[in-house]
Amino acid sequence: MNNQLQELGDCEFTRLIDGHNVAAVITSFLALLEMMKTDTIICTQAGPTEPIHVYLKGAA
């Protein structure tokens, strides 16, 4: 996921998981949470049903 974000800079979470099976989606979401915990990425969401935007810190 970190490599994808380095290439993209920022994107919607759905783009990171596109085409993956359920287990990979869950694993990716857990990785996302861990990266937030370690202050590697920033995630924003405008509302409960809006897409999650993922930004790699230092990429901007």
Foldseek 3Di string as FASTA:
>chain_A
DVVVCLVVQKDFLCVVCPPHDPVVSVVVVVVVVVCVVVVQWDWDAPDDPGTIMIGGPPSD
